[in-house]
Amino acid sequence: MEYVTSFYWNEGSCGRLNQDSVSLQQAFCPNARFGWRKEAIFLLVADGIGGLAQGEWASGTVTEEMTRWFWEQALFVLERRGWQKLLEKSAVRSLRRIQEEMEWQEKNGQFYSGTTCTMAVVYRRRYLLVHIGDSRAYRIGKKECCLTTDHHQDGKLSRCIGDFGFCRPDIQTGRLRKKEILLLCTDGFCTGAPDGFWGQCFRGTNQKTAGEAQQSLQENLNRTGRFLLAHGAADNLTAAAVFLF
């Protein structure tokens, strides 16, 4: 086992329905030719737009459909040469199809909705990151780095899946080093985080065994959530993380 994973999901203190959705999948990808199995990780966080109707439906739809995409499409190309580029094209096609289906349902239901979507596939220590909206992805190790750019204009969300029409997501590829964490989170979990915050939150995740590391990762996510709630976090709080053990 190379990776340990965990997630956090809390409605916060906003007093309304949780419109965030999260998916965390861990699979072995077999290689029939060489007889070994490598782990593949899928992470996704989606934040339904609270100012529009049925934000929970939008985030849930994207999360469900892209999780299905991971199991039915992504796993079958991971051993092909140039898998990151192949996954990029496949993911964009799937998001465009979801956009079209949401537009059709919204038109017939006479309502409008939308959601952010930040997701990653991690395989053989490399990752493909797909991002649209103002959820975020962080790479946390000896240094911490925000990998995404918030899609805002005049202080308001400018890109999403749903109401604004289809916008091509930002795509990024990279490589995780040992003892690094890839963290995906909605804006309720990361708004206002100062420099160095995540390094402090996940200090001590590096344990001697995978079981200890997984427990530590979950405890750090829970502790961070409690800290944010204690300091007035009102929005829904959602995060998913993978640690290269």
C-alpha atoms as a PDB file:
ATOM      1  CA  MET A   1       0.000   0.000   0.000  1.00  0.00           C
ATOM      2  CA  GLU A   2       1.514   3.312  -1.132  1.00  0.00           C
ATOM      3  CA  TYR A   3      -1.328   5.647  -0.191  1.00  0.00           C
ATOM      4  CA  VAL A   4      -3.548   6.358   2.783  1.00  0.00           C
ATOM      5  CA  THR A   5      -6.710   8.405   2.340  1.00  0.00           C
ATOM      6  CA  SER A   6      -9.389  10.128   4.379  1.00  0.00           C
ATOM      7  CA  PHE A   7     -12.154  12.725   4.112  1.00  0.00           C
ATOM      8  CA  TYR A   8     -14.113  15.228   6.198  1.00  0.00           C
ATOM      9  CA  TRP A   9     -17.735  16.337   5.625  1.00  0.00           C
ATOM     10  CA  ASN A  10     -19.659  18.697   7.903  1.00  0.00           C
ATOM     11  CA  GLU A  11     -22.639  20.985   7.320  1.00  0.00           C
ATOM     12  CA  GLY A  12     -21.004  23.760   9.368  1.00  0.00           C
ATOM     13  CA  SER A  13     -23.032  26.257  11.333  1.00  0.00           C
ATOM     14  CA  CYS A  14     -24.919  27.760   8.398  1.00  0.00           C
ATOM     15  CA  GLY A  15     -28.175  26.157   9.514  1.00  0.00           C
ATOM     16  CA  ARG A  16     -29.105  24.948   6.032  1.00  0.00           C
ATOM     17  CA  LEU A  17     -28.853  21.769   4.006  1.00  0.00           C
ATOM     18  CA  ASN A  18     -25.335  20.574   3.250  1.00  0.00           C
ATOM     19  CA  GLN A  19     -24.812  21.304  -0.445  1.00  0.00           C
ATOM     20  CA  ASP A  20     -21.288  19.870  -0.599  1.00  0.00           C
ATOM     21  CA  SER A  21     -20.538  16.425  -2.011  1.00  0.00           C
ATOM     22  CA  VAL A  22     -17.383  14.326  -1.762  1.00  0.00           C
ATOM     23  CA  SER A  23     -16.047  11.154  -3.361  1.00  0.00           C
ATOM     24  CA  LEU A  24     -12.957   9.196  -2.335  1.00  0.00           C
ATOM     25  CA  GLN A  25     -12.187   5.977  -4.204  1.00  0.00           C
ATOM     26  CA  GLN A  26      -9.219   3.637  -3.866  1.00  0.00           C
ATOM     27  CA  ALA A  27      -8.675   0.796  -6.329  1.00  0.00           C
ATOM     28  CA  PHE A  28      -6.020  -1.616  -7.522  1.00  0.00           C
ATOM     29  CA  CYS A  29      -5.303  -1.407 -11.220  1.00  0.00           C
ATOM     30  CA  PRO A  30      -4.048  -4.814 -12.454  1.00  0.00           C
ATOM     31  CA  ASN A  31      -1.437  -5.178 -15.150  1.00  0.00           C
ATOM     32  CA  ALA A  32      -2.033  -8.509 -16.876  1.00  0.00           C
ATOM     33  CA  ARG A  33       1.261  -8.381 -18.748  1.00  0.00           C
ATOM     34  CA  PHE A  34       3.548  -7.939 -15.738  1.00  0.00           C
ATOM     35  CA  GLY A  35       1.339  -9.453 -13.046  1.00  0.00           C
ATOM     36  CA  TRP A  36       1.521  -6.588 -10.526  1.00  0.00           C
ATOM     37  CA  ARG A  37      -1.118  -4.258  -9.160  1.00  0.00           C
ATOM     38  CA  LYS A  38      -0.789  -0.538  -8.596  1.00  0.00           C
ATOM     39  CA  GLU A  39      -3.083   1.629  -6.518  1.00  0.00           C
ATOM     40  CA  ALA A  40      -5.229   4.293  -8.161  1.00  0.00           C
ATOM     41  CA  ILE A  41      -6.876   7.035  -6.113  1.00  0.00           C
ATOM     42  CA  PHE A  42      -9.804   9.241  -7.071  1.00  0.00           C
ATOM     43  CA  LEU A  43     -10.744  12.337  -5.054  1.00  0.00           C
ATOM     44  CA  LEU A  44     -13.501  14.856  -5.765  1.00  0.00           C
ATOM     45  CA  VAL A  45     -15.119  17.698  -3.859  1.00  0.00           C
ATOM     46  CA  ALA A  46     -18.081  19.665  -5.195  1.00  0.00           C
ATOM     47  CA  ASP A  47     -19.779  22.698  -3.663  1.00  0.00           C
ATOM     48  CA  GLY A  48     -23.331  23.384  -4.800  1.00  0.00           C
ATOM     49  CA  ILE A  49     -24.002  27.078  -5.337  1.00  0.00           C
ATOM     50  CA  GLY A  50     -26.059  28.237  -2.376  1.00  0.00           C
ATOM     51  CA  GLY A  51     -27.595  31.183  -4.195  1.00  0.00           C
ATOM     52  CA  LEU A  52     -29.215  28.910  -6.769  1.00  0.00           C
ATOM     53  CA  ALA A  53     -31.905  26.275  -6.397  1.00  0.00           C
ATOM     54  CA  GLN A  54     -30.989  22.698  -5.542  1.00  0.00           C
ATOM     55  CA  GLY A  55     -27.256  23.167  -5.136  1.00  0.00           C
ATOM     56  CA  GLU A  56     -27.123  19.758  -3.440  1.00  0.00           C
ATOM     57  CA  TRP A  57     -28.614  18.179  -6.583  1.00  0.00           C
ATOM     58  CA  ALA A  58     -25.961  19.786  -8.781  1.00  0.00           C
ATOM     59  CA  SER A  59     -23.020  18.770  -6.586  1.00  0.00           C
ATOM     60  CA  GLY A  60     -24.423  15.273  -6.083  1.00  0.00           C
ATOM     61  CA  THR A  61     -24.996  14.784  -9.808  1.00  0.00           C
ATOM     62  CA  VAL A  62     -21.436  15.759 -10.728  1.00  0.00           C
ATOM     63  CA  THR A  63     -19.978  13.654  -7.921  1.00  0.00           C
ATOM     64  CA  GLU A  64     -21.994  10.559  -8.823  1.00  0.00           C
ATOM     65  CA  GLU A  65     -21.320  10.818 -12.550  1.00  0.00           C
ATOM     66  CA  MET A  66     -17.590  11.449 -12.223  1.00  0.00           C
ATOM     67  CA  THR A  67     -17.224   8.618  -9.715  1.00  0.00           C
ATOM     68  CA  ARG A  68     -18.849   6.360 -12.290  1.00  0.00           C
ATOM     69  CA  TRP A  69     -16.419   7.779 -14.871  1.00  0.00           C
ATOM     70  CA  PHE A  70     -13.480   6.756 -12.669  1.00  0.00           C
ATOM     71  CA  TRP A  71     -14.636   3.146 -12.342  1.00  0.00           C
ATOM     72  CA  GLU A  72     -15.936   2.679 -15.876  1.00  0.00           C
ATOM     73  CA  GLN A  73     -13.424   4.684 -17.925  1.00  0.00           C
ATOM     74  CA  ALA A  74     -10.422   6.034 -16.050  1.00  0.00           C
ATOM     75  CA  LEU A  75      -9.183   2.715 -14.646  1.00  0.00           C
ATOM     76  CA  PHE A  76      -9.001   1.219 -18.127  1.00  0.00           C
ATOM     77  CA  VAL A  77      -6.487   3.747 -19.499  1.00  0.00           C
ATOM     78  CA  LEU A  78      -4.065   4.068 -16.569  1.00  0.00           C
ATOM     79  CA  GLU A  79      -1.615   1.547 -18.018  1.00  0.00           C
ATOM     80  CA  ARG A  80      -1.619   3.126 -21.462  1.00  0.00           C
ATOM     81  CA  ARG A  81       1.176   5.378 -22.597  1.00  0.00           C
ATOM     82  CA  GLY A  82       0.299   9.029 -21.986  1.00  0.00           C
ATOM     83  CA  TRP A  83      -2.509   8.161 -19.556  1.00  0.00           C
ATOM     84  CA  GLN A  84      -2.667  11.666 -18.105  1.00  0.00           C
ATOM     85  CA  LYS A  85      -3.469  13.209 -21.483  1.00  0.00           C
ATOM     86  CA  LEU A  86      -6.000  10.481 -22.222  1.00  0.00           C
ATOM     87  CA  LEU A  87      -7.689  11.028 -18.857  1.00  0.00           C
ATOM     88  CA  GLU A  88      -7.768  14.772 -19.418  1.00  0.00           C
ATOM     89  CA  LYS A  89      -9.668  14.401 -22.686  1.00  0.00           C
ATOM     90  CA  SER A  90     -12.013  11.808 -21.203  1.00  0.00           C
ATOM     91  CA  ALA A  91     -12.742  13.882 -18.082  1.00  0.00           C
ATOM     92  CA  VAL A  92     -13.488  17.026 -20.094  1.00  0.00           C
ATOM     93  CA  ARG A  93     -15.860  15.071 -22.360  1.00  0.00           C
ATOM     94  CA  SER A  94     -17.669  13.672 -19.331  1.00  0.00           C
ATOM     95  CA  LEU A  95     -18.021  17.081 -17.682  1.00  0.00           C
ATOM     96  CA  ARG A  96     -19.347  18.541 -20.931  1.00  0.00           C
ATOM     97  CA  ARG A  97     -21.923  15.742 -21.127  1.00  0.00           C
ATOM     98  CA  ILE A  98     -22.970  16.372 -17.518  1.00  0.00           C
ATOM     99  CA  GLN A  99     -23.283  20.071 -18.325  1.00  0.00           C
ATOM    100  CA  GLU A 100     -25.599  19.292 -21.235  1.00  0.00           C
ATOM    101  CA  GLU A 101     -27.738  16.938 -19.126  1.00  0.00           C
ATOM    102  CA  MET A 102     -28.017  19.504 -16.328  1.00  0.00           C
ATOM    103  CA  GLU A 103     -29.028  22.220 -18.789  1.00  0.00           C
ATOM    104  CA  TRP A 104     -31.735  19.952 -20.213  1.00  0.00           C
ATOM    105  CA  GLN A 105     -33.107  19.097 -16.764  1.00  0.00           C
ATOM    106  CA  GLU A 106     -32.974  22.707 -15.643  1.00  0.00           C
ATOM    107  CA  LYS A 107     -34.790  23.846 -18.780  1.00  0.00           C
ATOM    108  CA  ASN A 108     -37.568  21.318 -18.302  1.00  0.00           C
ATOM    109  CA  GLY A 109     -37.770  21.847 -14.564  1.00  0.00           C
ATOM    110  CA  GLN A 110     -37.661  25.651 -14.826  1.00  0.00           C
ATOM    111  CA  PHE A 111     -34.890  26.065 -12.261  1.00  0.00           C
ATOM    112  CA  TYR A 112     -31.190  26.893 -12.333  1.00  0.00           C
ATOM    113  CA  SER A 113     -28.382  25.299 -10.389  1.00  0.00           C
ATOM    114  CA  GLY A 114     -24.623  24.862 -10.407  1.00  0.00           C
ATOM    115  CA  THR A 115     -21.641  23.440  -8.581  1.00  0.00           C
ATOM    116  CA  THR A 116     -17.896  23.701  -8.354  1.00  0.00           C
ATOM    117  CA  CYS A 117     -15.837  20.607  -9.120  1.00  0.00           C
ATOM    118  CA  THR A 118     -12.250  19.906  -8.092  1.00  0.00           C
ATOM    119  CA  MET A 119     -11.042  16.355  -8.628  1.00  0.00           C
ATOM    120  CA  ALA A 120      -7.841  14.353  -8.994  1.00  0.00           C
ATOM    121  CA  VAL A 121      -6.696  10.938 -10.145  1.00  0.00           C
ATOM    122  CA  VAL A 122      -3.455   9.754  -8.519  1.00  0.00           C
ATOM    123  CA  TYR A 123      -1.530   6.849 -10.012  1.00  0.00           C
ATOM    124  CA  ARG A 124       2.102   5.737  -9.764  1.00  0.00           C
ATOM    125  CA  ARG A 125       2.852   8.889  -7.742  1.00  0.00           C
ATOM    126  CA  ARG A 126       1.575  11.150 -10.505  1.00  0.00           C
ATOM    127  CA  TYR A 127      -1.666  13.070 -10.492  1.00  0.00           C
ATOM    128  CA  LEU A 128      -4.097  14.664 -12.905  1.00  0.00           C
ATOM    129  CA  LEU A 129      -6.003  17.577 -11.362  1.00  0.00           C
ATOM    130  CA  VAL A 130      -9.221  18.938 -12.883  1.00  0.00           C
ATOM    131  CA  HIS A 131     -10.652  22.147 -11.426  1.00  0.00           C
ATOM    132  CA  ILE A 132     -13.532  24.531 -12.020  1.00  0.00           C
ATOM    133  CA  GLY A 133     -14.961  26.974  -9.465  1.00  0.00           C
ATOM    134  CA  ASP A 134     -13.592  28.104  -6.106  1.00  0.00           C
ATOM    135  CA  SER A 135     -12.927  24.862  -4.279  1.00  0.00           C
ATOM    136  CA  ARG A 136      -9.185  24.276  -3.938  1.00  0.00           C
ATOM    137  CA  ALA A 137      -6.369  21.758  -4.121  1.00  0.00           C
ATOM    138  CA  TYR A 138      -3.230  21.932  -1.990  1.00  0.00           C
ATOM    139  CA  ARG A 139       0.021  20.002  -2.085  1.00  0.00           C
ATOM    140  CA  ILE A 140       1.437  19.756   1.417  1.00  0.00           C
ATOM    141  CA  GLY A 141       4.896  18.533   2.369  1.00  0.00           C
ATOM    142  CA  LYS A 142       8.006  20.345   3.464  1.00  0.00           C
ATOM    143  CA  LYS A 143       6.342  23.286   1.740  1.00  0.00           C
ATOM    144  CA  GLU A 144       2.678  23.893   1.016  1.00  0.00           C
ATOM    145  CA  CYS A 145       1.369  25.052  -2.338  1.00  0.00           C
ATOM    146  CA  CYS A 146      -2.099  25.947  -3.579  1.00  0.00           C
ATOM    147  CA  LEU A 147      -2.457  24.235  -6.960  1.00  0.00           C
ATOM    148  CA  THR A 148      -5.677  25.932  -8.096  1.00  0.00           C
ATOM    149  CA  THR A 149      -6.913  29.409  -8.920  1.00  0.00           C
ATOM    150  CA  ASP A 150     -10.336  30.565  -7.714  1.00  0.00           C
ATOM    151  CA  HIS A 151     -12.623  31.363 -10.623  1.00  0.00           C
ATOM    152  CA  HIS A 152     -13.935  34.683  -9.372  1.00  0.00           C
ATOM    153  CA  GLN A 153     -14.871  37.907 -11.092  1.00  0.00           C
ATOM    154  CA  ASP A 154     -15.750  41.022  -9.095  1.00  0.00           C
ATOM    155  CA  GLY A 155     -15.784  38.903  -5.956  1.00  0.00           C
ATOM    156  CA  LYS A 156     -18.332  36.427  -7.326  1.00  0.00           C
ATOM    157  CA  LEU A 157     -18.048  32.914  -8.724  1.00  0.00           C
ATOM    158  CA  SER A 158     -17.580  33.135 -12.492  1.00  0.00           C
ATOM    159  CA  ARG A 159     -17.229  29.488 -13.567  1.00  0.00           C
ATOM    160  CA  CYS A 160     -18.979  26.287 -12.512  1.00  0.00           C
ATOM    161  CA  ILE A 161     -20.719  23.196 -13.855  1.00  0.00           C
ATOM    162  CA  GLY A 162     -24.323  24.154 -14.497  1.00  0.00           C
ATOM    163  CA  ASP A 163     -25.785  27.631 -14.596  1.00  0.00           C
ATOM    164  CA  PHE A 164     -22.999  29.576 -16.337  1.00  0.00           C
ATOM    165  CA  GLY A 165     -22.746  27.341 -19.389  1.00  0.00           C
ATOM    166  CA  PHE A 166     -19.805  25.060 -20.114  1.00  0.00           C
ATOM    167  CA  CYS A 167     -16.333  26.403 -19.379  1.00  0.00           C
ATOM    168  CA  ARG A 168     -13.297  24.225 -19.908  1.00  0.00           C
ATOM    169  CA  PRO A 169     -11.811  23.291 -16.523  1.00  0.00           C
ATOM    170  CA  ASP A 170      -8.255  24.047 -15.507  1.00  0.00           C
ATOM    171  CA  ILE A 171      -6.018  21.000 -15.915  1.00  0.00           C
ATOM    172  CA  GLN A 172      -2.778  20.367 -14.078  1.00  0.00           C
ATOM    173  CA  THR A 173      -0.442  17.401 -13.806  1.00  0.00           C
ATOM    174  CA  GLY A 174       2.284  16.753 -11.280  1.00  0.00           C
ATOM    175  CA  ARG A 175       4.120  14.216  -9.170  1.00  0.00           C
ATOM    176  CA  LEU A 176       3.716  13.532  -5.468  1.00  0.00           C
ATOM    177  CA  ARG A 177       6.838  12.920  -3.416  1.00  0.00           C
ATOM    178  CA  LYS A 178       6.963  10.572  -0.462  1.00  0.00           C
ATOM    179  CA  LYS A 179       5.390  11.976   2.704  1.00  0.00           C
ATOM    180  CA  GLU A 180       3.377  14.543   0.740  1.00  0.00           C
ATOM    181  CA  ILE A 181      -0.367  15.133   0.989  1.00  0.00           C
ATOM    182  CA  LEU A 182      -2.745  16.116  -1.784  1.00  0.00           C
ATOM    183  CA  LEU A 183      -5.705  17.924  -0.194  1.00  0.00           C
ATOM    184  CA  LEU A 184      -8.923  18.880  -2.001  1.00  0.00           C
ATOM    185  CA  CYS A 185     -11.420  21.054  -0.130  1.00  0.00           C
ATOM    186  CA  THR A 186     -14.429  23.299  -0.646  1.00  0.00           C
ATOM    187  CA  ASP A 187     -14.190  27.001   0.127  1.00  0.00           C
ATOM    188  CA  GLY A 188     -15.800  26.547   3.542  1.00  0.00           C
ATOM    189  CA  PHE A 189     -12.809  24.459   4.597  1.00  0.00           C
ATOM    190  CA  CYS A 190     -10.110  26.779   3.255  1.00  0.00           C
ATOM    191  CA  THR A 191     -11.407  30.375   3.237  1.00  0.00           C
ATOM    192  CA  GLY A 192      -9.097  32.609   5.210  1.00  0.00           C
ATOM    193  CA  ALA A 193      -6.381  29.996   5.730  1.00  0.00           C
ATOM    194  CA  PRO A 194      -3.092  31.898   6.337  1.00  0.00           C
ATOM    195  CA  ASP A 195       0.313  30.911   4.942  1.00  0.00           C
ATOM    196  CA  GLY A 196       1.657  27.855   6.720  1.00  0.00           C
ATOM    197  CA  PHE A 197      -1.775  26.825   8.015  1.00  0.00           C
ATOM    198  CA  TRP A 198      -1.912  23.429   6.316  1.00  0.00           C
ATOM    199  CA  GLY A 199       1.584  22.443   7.346  1.00  0.00           C
ATOM    200  CA  GLN A 200       0.543  22.997  10.945  1.00  0.00           C
ATOM    201  CA  CYS A 201      -2.730  21.114  10.477  1.00  0.00           C
ATOM    202  CA  PHE A 202      -1.085  17.984   9.083  1.00  0.00           C
ATOM    203  CA  ARG A 203       2.069  17.924  11.168  1.00  0.00           C
ATOM    204  CA  GLY A 204       2.650  14.403  12.482  1.00  0.00           C
ATOM    205  CA  THR A 205       0.849  12.556   9.665  1.00  0.00           C
ATOM    206  CA  ASN A 206       4.106  10.729   8.870  1.00  0.00           C
ATOM    207  CA  GLN A 207       3.820   7.601  11.037  1.00  0.00           C
ATOM    208  CA  LYS A 208       5.661   4.267  11.002  1.00  0.00           C
ATOM    209  CA  THR A 209       2.856   2.154   9.543  1.00  0.00           C
ATOM    210  CA  ALA A 210       0.102   2.754   6.993  1.00  0.00           C
ATOM    211  CA  GLY A 211      -2.557   2.181   9.658  1.00  0.00           C
ATOM    212  CA  GLU A 212      -0.998   4.763  11.955  1.00  0.00           C
ATOM    213  CA  ALA A 213      -0.653   7.219   9.077  1.00  0.00           C
ATOM    214  CA  GLN A 214      -4.315   6.768   8.087  1.00  0.00           C
ATOM    215  CA  GLN A 215      -5.474   7.325  11.656  1.00  0.00           C
ATOM    216  CA  SER A 216      -3.278  10.394  11.971  1.00  0.00           C
ATOM    217  CA  LEU A 217      -4.546  11.802   8.673  1.00  0.00           C
ATOM    218  CA  GLN A 218      -8.171  11.398   9.794  1.00  0.00           C
ATOM    219  CA  GLU A 219      -7.462  12.924  13.198  1.00  0.00           C
ATOM    220  CA  ASN A 220      -5.765  15.910  11.572  1.00  0.00           C
ATOM    221  CA  LEU A 221      -8.733  16.480   9.262  1.00  0.00           C
ATOM    222  CA  ASN A 222     -11.148  16.219  12.193  1.00  0.00           C
ATOM    223  CA  ARG A 223      -9.064  18.570  14.324  1.00  0.00           C
ATOM    224  CA  THR A 224      -8.879  21.101  11.501  1.00  0.00           C
ATOM    225  CA  GLY A 225     -12.658  20.933  11.072  1.00  0.00           C
ATOM    226  CA  ARG A 226     -13.215  21.499  14.789  1.00  0.00           C
ATOM    227  CA  PHE A 227     -10.818  24.440  14.730  1.00  0.00           C
ATOM    228  CA  LEU A 228     -12.637  26.048  11.797  1.00  0.00           C
ATOM    229  CA  LEU A 229     -16.037  25.546  13.417  1.00  0.00           C
ATOM    230  CA  ALA A 230     -14.795  27.009  16.686  1.00  0.00           C
ATOM    231  CA  HIS A 231     -13.599  30.095  14.796  1.00  0.00           C
ATOM    232  CA  GLY A 232     -16.949  30.757  13.186  1.00  0.00           C
ATOM    233  CA  ALA A 233     -16.945  28.761   9.955  1.00  0.00           C
ATOM    234  CA  ALA A 234     -20.522  29.060   8.714  1.00  0.00           C
ATOM    235  CA  ASP A 235     -20.338  27.361   5.323  1.00  0.00           C
ATOM    236  CA  ASN A 236     -20.358  23.624   4.631  1.00  0.00           C
ATOM    237  CA  LEU A 237     -16.945  22.047   5.293  1.00  0.00           C
ATOM    238  CA  THR A 238     -15.668  19.302   2.995  1.00  0.00           C
ATOM    239  CA  ALA A 239     -12.191  17.902   2.352  1.00  0.00           C
ATOM    240  CA  ALA A 240     -10.590  14.775   0.885  1.00  0.00           C
ATOM    241  CA  ALA A 241      -6.917  13.917   1.219  1.00  0.00           C
ATOM    242  CA  VAL A 242      -4.400  11.352   0.022  1.00  0.00           C
ATOM    243  CA  PHE A 243      -1.000  10.823   1.662  1.00  0.00           C
ATOM    244  CA  LEU A 244       1.875   9.120  -0.179  1.00  0.00           C
ATOM    245  CA  PHE A 245       3.152   6.860   2.558  1.00  0.00           C
END
